Protein backbone atom coordinates (compact mmCIF):
# COMPACT_ATOMS: atom_id res chain seq x y z
CA ALA A 1 47.89 20.97 -12.76
CA HIS A 2 46.59 22.25 -16.09
CA ALA A 3 49.04 25.17 -16.06
CA ALA A 4 52.12 23.51 -14.57
CA TRP A 5 51.97 20.05 -16.08
CA GLY A 6 54.96 18.67 -17.93
CA TRP A 7 57.16 15.57 -17.99
CA GLY A 8 60.51 14.47 -19.28
CA ASN A 9 63.59 16.62 -19.30
CA ASN A 10 62.93 20.36 -19.11
CA ASN A 11 59.16 19.88 -19.51
CA GLU A 12 59.56 19.04 -23.21
CA GLY A 13 56.71 16.53 -23.11
CA ARG A 14 53.99 19.07 -23.78
CA GLU A 15 55.66 20.31 -26.93
CA GLU A 16 56.10 16.75 -28.19
CA ALA A 17 52.44 15.98 -27.50
CA GLY A 18 51.30 18.88 -29.66
CA ILE A 19 49.24 20.54 -26.92
CA ASP A 20 49.12 24.31 -26.83
CA SER A 21 49.70 24.52 -23.09
CA LEU A 22 48.90 28.23 -22.86
CA GLU A 23 45.56 27.80 -24.60
CA HIS A 24 44.78 24.71 -22.52
CA SER A 25 45.61 26.56 -19.28
CA ASP A 26 43.50 29.52 -20.37
CA MET A 27 40.54 27.24 -21.09
CA ALA A 28 40.83 25.61 -17.65
CA LEU A 29 41.13 28.99 -15.93
CA ARG A 30 38.18 30.34 -17.92
CA GLU A 31 36.01 27.42 -16.76
CA LEU A 32 37.03 27.96 -13.12
CA ILE A 33 36.33 31.70 -13.30
CA ASP A 34 32.97 31.14 -15.00
CA MET A 35 32.13 28.52 -12.38
CA GLY A 36 32.95 31.04 -9.64
CA ASP A 37 30.81 33.71 -11.32
CA GLU A 38 27.84 31.35 -11.61
CA LEU A 39 28.28 30.17 -8.03
CA CYS A 40 28.33 33.79 -6.82
CA ARG A 41 25.14 34.50 -8.75
CA PHE A 42 23.54 31.32 -7.38
CA LEU A 43 24.43 32.19 -3.79
CA THR A 44 23.14 35.76 -4.10
CA LEU A 45 19.75 34.90 -5.59
CA PRO A 46 16.86 36.41 -3.66
CA THR A 47 15.06 34.19 -1.23
CA SER A 48 11.94 32.42 -2.42
CA THR A 49 10.67 30.93 0.84
CA ARG A 50 9.02 33.87 2.57
CA THR A 51 5.34 33.78 3.43
CA ARG A 52 4.44 36.13 0.58
CA HIS A 53 5.95 33.61 -1.85
CA GLN A 54 3.37 31.08 -0.69
CA LEU A 55 0.30 33.21 -0.05
CA THR A 56 0.16 35.71 -2.91
CA GLU A 57 0.01 35.11 -6.63
CA SER A 58 2.74 37.64 -7.37
CA GLY A 59 4.89 36.05 -4.66
CA ARG A 60 4.41 32.59 -6.16
CA GLN A 61 5.40 33.91 -9.60
CA GLU A 62 8.50 35.57 -8.13
CA ALA A 63 9.46 32.35 -6.34
CA LYS A 64 8.91 30.35 -9.53
CA ARG A 65 11.22 32.64 -11.52
CA THR A 66 13.88 32.55 -8.80
CA ILE A 67 13.75 28.76 -8.55
CA GLU A 68 13.99 28.37 -12.34
CA VAL A 69 17.13 30.53 -12.40
CA ALA A 70 18.56 28.61 -9.43
CA TYR A 71 18.05 25.25 -11.15
CA LYS A 72 19.62 26.49 -14.40
CA LEU A 73 22.66 27.88 -12.58
CA PHE A 74 23.05 24.77 -10.45
CA GLU A 75 22.82 22.51 -13.50
CA SER A 76 25.36 24.63 -15.36
CA ILE A 77 27.82 24.56 -12.46
CA CYS A 78 27.42 20.91 -11.51
CA THR A 79 27.10 19.41 -14.95
CA LYS A 80 28.42 21.57 -17.75
CA ARG A 81 31.38 23.27 -16.07
CA ILE A 82 32.67 20.21 -14.22
CA LEU A 83 32.23 18.11 -17.38
CA ARG A 84 34.34 20.61 -19.33
CA LEU A 85 37.05 20.46 -16.66
CA THR A 86 36.91 16.67 -16.83
CA ASN A 87 37.35 16.78 -20.60
CA LEU A 88 40.35 19.08 -20.22
CA CYS A 89 41.84 16.54 -17.81
CA GLU A 90 41.25 13.80 -20.40
CA VAL A 91 43.28 15.82 -22.92
CA LEU A 92 46.19 15.84 -20.49
CA LYS A 93 45.81 12.13 -19.77
CA GLY A 94 45.82 11.39 -23.48
CA ALA A 95 49.07 13.28 -23.81
CA GLY A 96 50.75 11.37 -21.01
CA LEU A 97 49.74 12.86 -17.66
CA SER A 98 50.63 10.37 -14.93
CA SER A 99 47.86 8.41 -13.26
CA SER A 100 48.69 9.80 -9.82
CA GLU A 101 48.34 13.38 -11.06
CA SER A 102 45.09 12.61 -12.86
CA ALA A 103 43.78 10.93 -9.69
CA ARG A 104 44.44 14.15 -7.77
CA ILE A 105 42.58 16.14 -10.40
CA ARG A 106 39.67 13.68 -10.24
CA GLN A 107 39.61 14.05 -6.46
CA PHE A 108 39.42 17.84 -6.84
CA GLU A 109 36.59 17.46 -9.37
CA ARG A 110 34.75 15.16 -6.97
CA TYR A 111 35.13 17.71 -4.17
CA LEU A 112 33.70 20.38 -6.47
CA GLY A 113 30.70 18.17 -7.18
CA GLU A 114 30.07 17.47 -3.51
CA CYS A 115 30.06 21.14 -2.48
């Protein structure tokens, strides 16, 4: 929606709204790519639930470091990245994006948050 949005005759609405559609699309794509990178890193973190992580001091320290990284990545994905996508949607809504289209984007954002 961020890349293909337009209204009016010949998609002239974006130009009239003063939105640099290429930059806006690039920002949305950048957020999605960064979200995918962080999700990949989150899903490939080493395990921290083995017995050695509970019984040895070095294992507990390793688990603590892993869990700290996991929480930071999860917070970045679920809060910062989705919030930035939401703000990009608000820019489109302010420039005249229809309510049905924005509802679809909101639904996609909600699905991202539930995963």
